[in-house]
């Protein structure tokens, strides 16, 4: 009975998903975060590689890592966070791991993730 009640509450949260939440671990993304400064609100872009996704439903979290001034910066958000307005996927990554924590120990070109290239098929003309 408790699980059924939780499922109904979770369905209401799942309707508030941000735009472009179809991304995977290894993708390079731009996360548009709403920042409130005094009485004004603006969007700030945090771009980097998704190194982890965990949880399900309303509890789903993701972590993005980027390099700033030769220092690694990571931020984690709930996927349904109201301060995220949208998520843009810049590059699709081809990885063989569910978590990319090994990128924390790497420097320079060793932090590159191989790009997943997709072939677009043109529609047939009759």
N, C-alpha and C. Protein backbone atom coordinates (compact mmCIF):
# COMPACT_ATOMS: atom_id res chain seq x y z
N UNK A 1 0.81 -1.18 0.00
CA UNK A 1 0.00 0.00 0.00
C UNK A 1 0.87 1.26 0.00
N UNK A 2 1.93 1.23 0.78
CA UNK A 2 2.83 2.38 0.84
C UNK A 2 3.51 2.58 -0.51
N UNK A 3 3.90 1.49 -1.18
CA UNK A 3 4.54 1.61 -2.48
C UNK A 3 3.60 2.21 -3.51
N UNK A 4 2.32 1.87 -3.44
CA UNK A 4 1.35 2.44 -4.38
C UNK A 4 1.20 3.94 -4.16
N UNK A 5 1.17 4.36 -2.90
CA UNK A 5 1.07 5.79 -2.60
C UNK A 5 2.31 6.54 -3.06
N UNK A 6 3.48 5.94 -2.85
CA UNK A 6 4.72 6.56 -3.32
C UNK A 6 4.73 6.68 -4.83
N UNK A 7 4.22 5.69 -5.52
CA UNK A 7 4.20 5.72 -6.98
C UNK A 7 3.31 6.84 -7.50
N UNK A 8 2.18 7.08 -6.84
CA UNK A 8 1.31 8.17 -7.29
C UNK A 8 1.93 9.54 -7.03
N UNK A 9 2.61 9.69 -5.91
CA UNK A 9 3.29 10.96 -5.63
C UNK A 9 4.43 11.17 -6.61
N UNK A 10 5.15 10.10 -6.92
CA UNK A 10 6.28 10.19 -7.84
C UNK A 10 5.83 10.57 -9.24
N UNK A 11 4.66 10.11 -9.67
CA UNK A 11 4.15 10.46 -11.00
C UNK A 11 3.92 11.95 -11.14
N UNK A 12 3.50 12.61 -10.07
CA UNK A 12 3.29 14.06 -10.15
C UNK A 12 4.62 14.79 -10.34
N UNK A 13 5.70 14.27 -9.72
CA UNK A 13 7.00 14.90 -9.88
C UNK A 13 7.56 14.66 -11.28
N UNK A 14 7.29 13.51 -11.86
CA UNK A 14 7.86 13.18 -13.16
C UNK A 14 7.30 14.04 -14.28
N UNK A 15 6.21 14.74 -14.06
CA UNK A 15 5.68 15.62 -15.10
C UNK A 15 6.49 16.90 -15.23
N UNK A 16 7.34 17.21 -14.27
CA UNK A 16 8.12 18.45 -14.28
C UNK A 16 9.56 18.21 -14.72
N UNK A 17 9.76 17.35 -15.70
CA UNK A 17 11.11 17.06 -16.17
C UNK A 17 11.65 18.22 -17.00
N UNK A 18 12.96 18.52 -16.90
CA UNK A 18 13.52 19.60 -17.73
C UNK A 18 13.63 19.17 -19.19
N UNK A 19 13.76 20.16 -20.08
CA UNK A 19 13.91 19.87 -21.49
C UNK A 19 15.23 19.15 -21.74
N UNK A 20 15.22 18.19 -22.66
CA UNK A 20 16.45 17.53 -23.09
C UNK A 20 17.10 16.67 -22.04
N UNK A 21 16.31 15.92 -21.29
CA UNK A 21 16.90 15.07 -20.25
C UNK A 21 17.29 13.70 -20.79
N UNK A 22 17.37 13.55 -22.11
CA UNK A 22 17.77 12.28 -22.71
C UNK A 22 19.28 12.29 -22.93
N UNK A 23 20.03 12.01 -21.88
CA UNK A 23 21.48 11.98 -21.96
C UNK A 23 21.99 10.79 -21.16
N UNK A 24 23.22 10.40 -21.43
CA UNK A 24 23.81 9.22 -20.81
C UNK A 24 25.17 9.57 -20.22
N UNK A 25 25.74 8.63 -19.50
CA UNK A 25 27.08 8.81 -18.95
C UNK A 25 28.06 8.87 -20.11
N UNK A 26 28.97 9.83 -20.07
CA UNK A 26 29.96 10.02 -21.13
C UNK A 26 29.59 11.15 -22.08
N UNK A 27 28.36 11.63 -22.04
CA UNK A 27 27.94 12.73 -22.90
C UNK A 27 28.47 14.05 -22.35
N UNK A 28 28.79 14.96 -23.26
CA UNK A 28 29.16 16.32 -22.89
C UNK A 28 27.89 17.15 -22.96
N UNK A 29 27.53 17.78 -21.84
CA UNK A 29 26.26 18.48 -21.75
C UNK A 29 26.45 19.91 -21.26
N UNK A 30 25.47 20.77 -21.59
CA UNK A 30 25.36 22.10 -21.01
C UNK A 30 24.13 22.08 -20.11
N UNK A 31 24.32 22.36 -18.83
CA UNK A 31 23.22 22.40 -17.88
C UNK A 31 22.92 23.87 -17.58
N UNK A 32 21.71 24.30 -17.92
CA UNK A 32 21.29 25.67 -17.68
C UNK A 32 20.64 25.75 -16.30
N UNK A 33 21.33 26.44 -15.37
CA UNK A 33 20.90 26.52 -13.98
C UNK A 33 20.41 27.93 -13.68
N UNK A 34 19.26 28.03 -13.04
CA UNK A 34 18.72 29.34 -12.64
C UNK A 34 19.44 29.80 -11.38
N UNK A 35 20.03 30.99 -11.44
CA UNK A 35 20.73 31.58 -10.31
C UNK A 35 19.95 32.81 -9.87
N UNK A 36 19.65 32.90 -8.58
CA UNK A 36 18.91 34.05 -8.06
C UNK A 36 19.88 34.95 -7.33
N UNK A 37 19.98 36.21 -7.81
CA UNK A 37 20.85 37.20 -7.20
C UNK A 37 19.98 38.38 -6.77
N UNK A 38 19.72 38.49 -5.51
CA UNK A 38 18.84 39.55 -5.02
C UNK A 38 17.42 39.32 -5.50
N UNK A 39 16.89 40.28 -6.25
CA UNK A 39 15.54 40.12 -6.79
C UNK A 39 15.55 39.71 -8.25
N UNK A 40 16.74 39.54 -8.83
CA UNK A 40 16.85 39.15 -10.23
C UNK A 40 17.17 37.67 -10.36
N UNK A 41 16.82 37.09 -11.49
CA UNK A 41 17.11 35.69 -11.76
C UNK A 41 17.76 35.60 -13.13
N UNK A 42 18.82 34.80 -13.24
CA UNK A 42 19.50 34.63 -14.52
C UNK A 42 19.86 33.17 -14.72
N UNK A 43 20.25 32.83 -15.96
CA UNK A 43 20.67 31.47 -16.28
C UNK A 43 22.18 31.41 -16.33
N UNK A 44 22.74 30.38 -15.72
CA UNK A 44 24.18 30.15 -15.78
C UNK A 44 24.39 28.77 -16.38
N UNK A 45 25.33 28.67 -17.32
CA UNK A 45 25.59 27.41 -18.01
C UNK A 45 26.76 26.70 -17.34
N UNK A 46 26.55 25.43 -17.02
CA UNK A 46 27.62 24.57 -16.49
C UNK A 46 27.81 23.47 -17.51
N UNK A 47 28.95 23.49 -18.22
CA UNK A 47 29.16 22.47 -19.24
C UNK A 47 30.28 21.53 -18.82
N UNK A 48 30.11 20.26 -19.14
CA UNK A 48 31.09 19.25 -18.78
C UNK A 48 30.61 17.87 -19.18
N UNK A 49 31.34 16.87 -18.71
CA UNK A 49 31.06 15.47 -19.03
C UNK A 49 30.24 14.85 -17.91
N UNK A 50 29.20 14.13 -18.27
CA UNK A 50 28.39 13.41 -17.28
C UNK A 50 29.20 12.20 -16.83
N UNK A 51 29.56 12.14 -15.55
CA UNK A 51 30.36 11.03 -15.07
C UNK A 51 29.55 10.02 -14.29
N UNK A 52 28.31 10.37 -13.90
CA UNK A 52 27.51 9.41 -13.13
C UNK A 52 26.03 9.76 -13.23
N UNK A 53 25.21 8.72 -13.25
CA UNK A 53 23.76 8.83 -13.07
C UNK A 53 23.36 7.76 -12.09
N UNK A 54 22.50 8.11 -11.15
CA UNK A 54 22.10 7.12 -10.17
C UNK A 54 20.66 7.37 -9.76
N UNK A 55 20.03 6.37 -9.21
CA UNK A 55 18.66 6.49 -8.74
C UNK A 55 17.66 6.25 -9.85
N UNK A 56 16.39 6.30 -9.46
CA UNK A 56 15.30 6.10 -10.41
C UNK A 56 14.17 7.04 -10.07
N UNK A 57 13.38 7.36 -11.09
CA UNK A 57 12.19 8.15 -10.87
C UNK A 57 12.49 9.52 -10.29
N UNK A 58 11.80 9.87 -9.22
CA UNK A 58 11.97 11.19 -8.60
C UNK A 58 13.30 11.30 -7.86
N UNK A 59 13.97 10.20 -7.59
CA UNK A 59 15.24 10.21 -6.86
C UNK A 59 16.46 10.21 -7.77
N UNK A 60 16.29 10.37 -9.07
CA UNK A 60 17.42 10.25 -10.00
C UNK A 60 18.34 11.46 -9.89
N UNK A 61 19.64 11.19 -9.84
CA UNK A 61 20.68 12.22 -9.73
C UNK A 61 21.66 12.06 -10.88
N UNK A 62 22.34 13.15 -11.23
CA UNK A 62 23.43 13.06 -12.20
C UNK A 62 24.54 14.00 -11.79
N UNK A 63 25.77 13.64 -12.17
CA UNK A 63 26.96 14.41 -11.82
C UNK A 63 27.69 14.81 -13.08
N UNK A 64 28.06 16.09 -13.16
CA UNK A 64 28.77 16.63 -14.31
C UNK A 64 30.12 17.14 -13.83
N UNK A 65 31.17 16.84 -14.61
CA UNK A 65 32.53 17.24 -14.25
C UNK A 65 33.12 18.09 -15.37
N UNK A 66 33.79 19.17 -14.98
CA UNK A 66 34.51 19.98 -15.95
C UNK A 66 35.81 20.46 -15.33
N UNK A 67 36.71 20.96 -16.17
CA UNK A 67 38.00 21.45 -15.72
C UNK A 67 38.00 22.97 -15.81
N UNK A 68 38.30 23.64 -14.70
CA UNK A 68 38.38 25.10 -14.65
C UNK A 68 39.73 25.46 -14.04
N UNK A 69 40.56 26.21 -14.79
CA UNK A 69 41.90 26.61 -14.34
C UNK A 69 42.71 25.41 -13.85
N UNK A 70 42.71 24.35 -14.63
CA UNK A 70 43.44 23.11 -14.32
C UNK A 70 43.00 22.47 -13.02
N UNK A 71 41.78 22.75 -12.60
CA UNK A 71 41.21 22.17 -11.38
C UNK A 71 39.88 21.52 -11.75
N UNK A 72 39.65 20.30 -11.32
CA UNK A 72 38.40 19.61 -11.62
C UNK A 72 37.26 20.11 -10.73
N UNK A 73 36.11 20.38 -11.36
CA UNK A 73 34.93 20.84 -10.63
C UNK A 73 33.79 19.90 -10.96
N UNK A 74 33.13 19.39 -9.94
CA UNK A 74 31.98 18.50 -10.14
C UNK A 74 30.76 19.09 -9.46
N UNK A 75 29.62 18.94 -10.12
CA UNK A 75 28.35 19.33 -9.50
C UNK A 75 27.36 18.21 -9.71
N UNK A 76 26.57 17.96 -8.70
CA UNK A 76 25.53 16.94 -8.77
C UNK A 76 24.17 17.61 -8.58
N UNK A 77 23.20 17.16 -9.35
CA UNK A 77 21.84 17.67 -9.25
C UNK A 77 20.86 16.53 -9.28
N UNK A 78 19.70 16.72 -8.66
CA UNK A 78 18.59 15.81 -8.94
C UNK A 78 18.09 16.11 -10.35
N UNK A 79 17.69 15.10 -11.07
CA UNK A 79 17.22 15.31 -12.44
C UNK A 79 15.99 16.19 -12.47
N UNK A 80 15.17 16.12 -11.43
CA UNK A 80 13.94 16.90 -11.38
C UNK A 80 14.11 18.20 -10.60
N UNK A 81 15.31 18.71 -10.52
CA UNK A 81 15.60 19.93 -9.77
C UNK A 81 14.90 21.12 -10.43
N UNK A 82 14.14 21.91 -9.67
CA UNK A 82 13.44 23.04 -10.27
C UNK A 82 14.38 24.16 -10.74
N UNK A 83 15.63 24.18 -10.27
CA UNK A 83 16.55 25.23 -10.71
C UNK A 83 17.19 24.92 -12.05
N UNK A 84 16.97 23.74 -12.61
CA UNK A 84 17.49 23.41 -13.93
C UNK A 84 16.41 23.72 -14.96
N UNK A 85 16.74 24.61 -15.89
CA UNK A 85 15.74 24.95 -16.91
C UNK A 85 15.84 24.02 -18.12
N UNK A 86 17.07 23.70 -18.57
CA UNK A 86 17.20 22.73 -19.66
C UNK A 86 18.59 22.14 -19.67
N UNK A 87 18.72 21.02 -20.38
CA UNK A 87 19.98 20.32 -20.51
C UNK A 87 20.21 20.08 -22.00
N UNK A 88 21.31 20.63 -22.54
CA UNK A 88 21.65 20.45 -23.95
C UNK A 88 22.77 19.42 -24.05
N UNK A 89 22.62 18.45 -24.95
CA UNK A 89 23.67 17.48 -25.20
C UNK A 89 24.54 18.03 -26.33
N UNK A 90 25.81 18.28 -26.05
CA UNK A 90 26.74 18.80 -27.06
C UNK A 90 27.38 17.68 -27.85
N UNK A 91 27.82 16.62 -27.16
CA UNK A 91 28.46 15.47 -27.81
C UNK A 91 27.98 14.21 -27.13
N UNK A 92 27.79 13.18 -27.91
CA UNK A 92 27.48 11.86 -27.37
C UNK A 92 28.79 11.14 -27.14
N UNK A 93 28.94 10.52 -25.99
CA UNK A 93 30.16 9.82 -25.67
C UNK A 93 29.99 8.31 -25.76
N UNK A 94 31.04 7.64 -26.20
CA UNK A 94 31.03 6.19 -26.28
C UNK A 94 31.90 5.66 -25.14
N UNK A 95 31.26 5.11 -24.12
CA UNK A 95 31.96 4.62 -22.94
C UNK A 95 31.49 3.21 -22.62
N UNK A 96 32.29 2.50 -21.85
CA UNK A 96 31.96 1.13 -21.48
C UNK A 96 31.78 0.96 -19.98
N UNK A 97 31.55 2.06 -19.29
CA UNK A 97 31.38 2.03 -17.85
C UNK A 97 30.11 2.78 -17.48
N UNK A 98 29.54 2.44 -16.34
CA UNK A 98 28.37 3.14 -15.84
C UNK A 98 28.77 4.38 -15.06
N UNK A 99 29.95 4.39 -14.48
CA UNK A 99 30.46 5.53 -13.73
C UNK A 99 31.87 5.83 -14.25
N UNK A 100 32.15 7.09 -14.50
CA UNK A 100 33.45 7.49 -15.05
C UNK A 100 34.31 8.17 -13.99
N UNK A 101 34.36 7.62 -12.81
CA UNK A 101 35.14 8.21 -11.73
C UNK A 101 36.64 8.18 -12.00
N UNK A 102 37.09 7.32 -12.92
CA UNK A 102 38.50 7.25 -13.24
C UNK A 102 38.99 8.54 -13.90
N UNK A 103 38.09 9.36 -14.42
CA UNK A 103 38.50 10.63 -15.04
C UNK A 103 39.05 11.61 -14.01
N UNK A 104 38.75 11.39 -12.74
CA UNK A 104 39.24 12.30 -11.70
C UNK A 104 40.75 12.26 -11.59
N UNK A 105 41.36 11.12 -11.88
CA UNK A 105 42.81 10.97 -11.74
C UNK A 105 43.58 11.35 -13.00
N UNK A 106 42.89 11.69 -14.07
CA UNK A 106 43.55 11.92 -15.35
C UNK A 106 43.71 13.40 -15.63
N UNK A 107 44.71 13.72 -16.44
CA UNK A 107 45.02 15.11 -16.80
C UNK A 107 45.10 15.23 -18.32
N UNK A 108 44.79 16.41 -18.82
CA UNK A 108 44.99 16.72 -20.23
C UNK A 108 44.18 15.87 -21.19
N UNK A 109 44.87 15.34 -22.22
CA UNK A 109 44.18 14.58 -23.26
C UNK A 109 43.66 13.23 -22.75
N UNK A 110 44.16 12.78 -21.63
CA UNK A 110 43.71 11.50 -21.07
C UNK A 110 42.27 11.58 -20.57
N UNK A 111 41.74 12.79 -20.44
CA UNK A 111 40.36 12.94 -19.97
C UNK A 111 39.36 12.92 -21.12
N UNK A 112 39.83 12.78 -22.34
CA UNK A 112 38.93 12.78 -23.49
C UNK A 112 38.08 11.52 -23.51
N UNK A 113 36.82 11.68 -23.90
CA UNK A 113 35.90 10.57 -24.06
C UNK A 113 35.65 10.41 -25.55
N UNK A 114 35.73 9.18 -26.04
CA UNK A 114 35.52 8.93 -27.46
C UNK A 114 34.10 9.33 -27.86
N UNK A 115 33.97 9.94 -29.04
CA UNK A 115 32.66 10.42 -29.49
C UNK A 115 31.91 9.30 -30.18
N UNK A 116 30.63 9.22 -29.87
CA UNK A 116 29.75 8.25 -30.51
C UNK A 116 29.18 8.90 -31.76
N UNK A 117 29.51 8.35 -32.90
CA UNK A 117 29.04 8.92 -34.17
C UNK A 117 27.87 8.10 -34.67
N UNK A 118 26.82 8.80 -35.03
CA UNK A 118 25.64 8.13 -35.55
C UNK A 118 25.48 8.48 -37.02
N UNK A 119 24.96 7.54 -37.78
CA UNK A 119 24.75 7.74 -39.21
C UNK A 119 23.29 8.09 -39.42
N UNK A 120 23.05 9.22 -40.06
CA UNK A 120 21.69 9.62 -40.37
C UNK A 120 21.35 9.14 -41.78
N UNK A 121 20.28 8.40 -41.91
CA UNK A 121 19.88 7.86 -43.19
C UNK A 121 18.87 8.83 -43.83
N UNK A 122 19.15 9.19 -45.09
CA UNK A 122 18.26 10.10 -45.79
C UNK A 122 17.01 9.33 -46.22
N UNK A 123 15.84 9.96 -46.19
CA UNK A 123 14.61 9.28 -46.60
C UNK A 123 14.63 9.01 -48.11
N UNK A 124 14.00 7.91 -48.48
CA UNK A 124 13.96 7.54 -49.90
C UNK A 124 13.03 8.47 -50.66
N UNK A 125 13.43 8.81 -51.88
CA UNK A 125 12.61 9.65 -52.74
C UNK A 125 11.99 8.76 -53.80
N UNK A 126 10.68 8.84 -53.96
CA UNK A 126 10.01 7.98 -54.94
C UNK A 126 9.86 8.67 -56.25
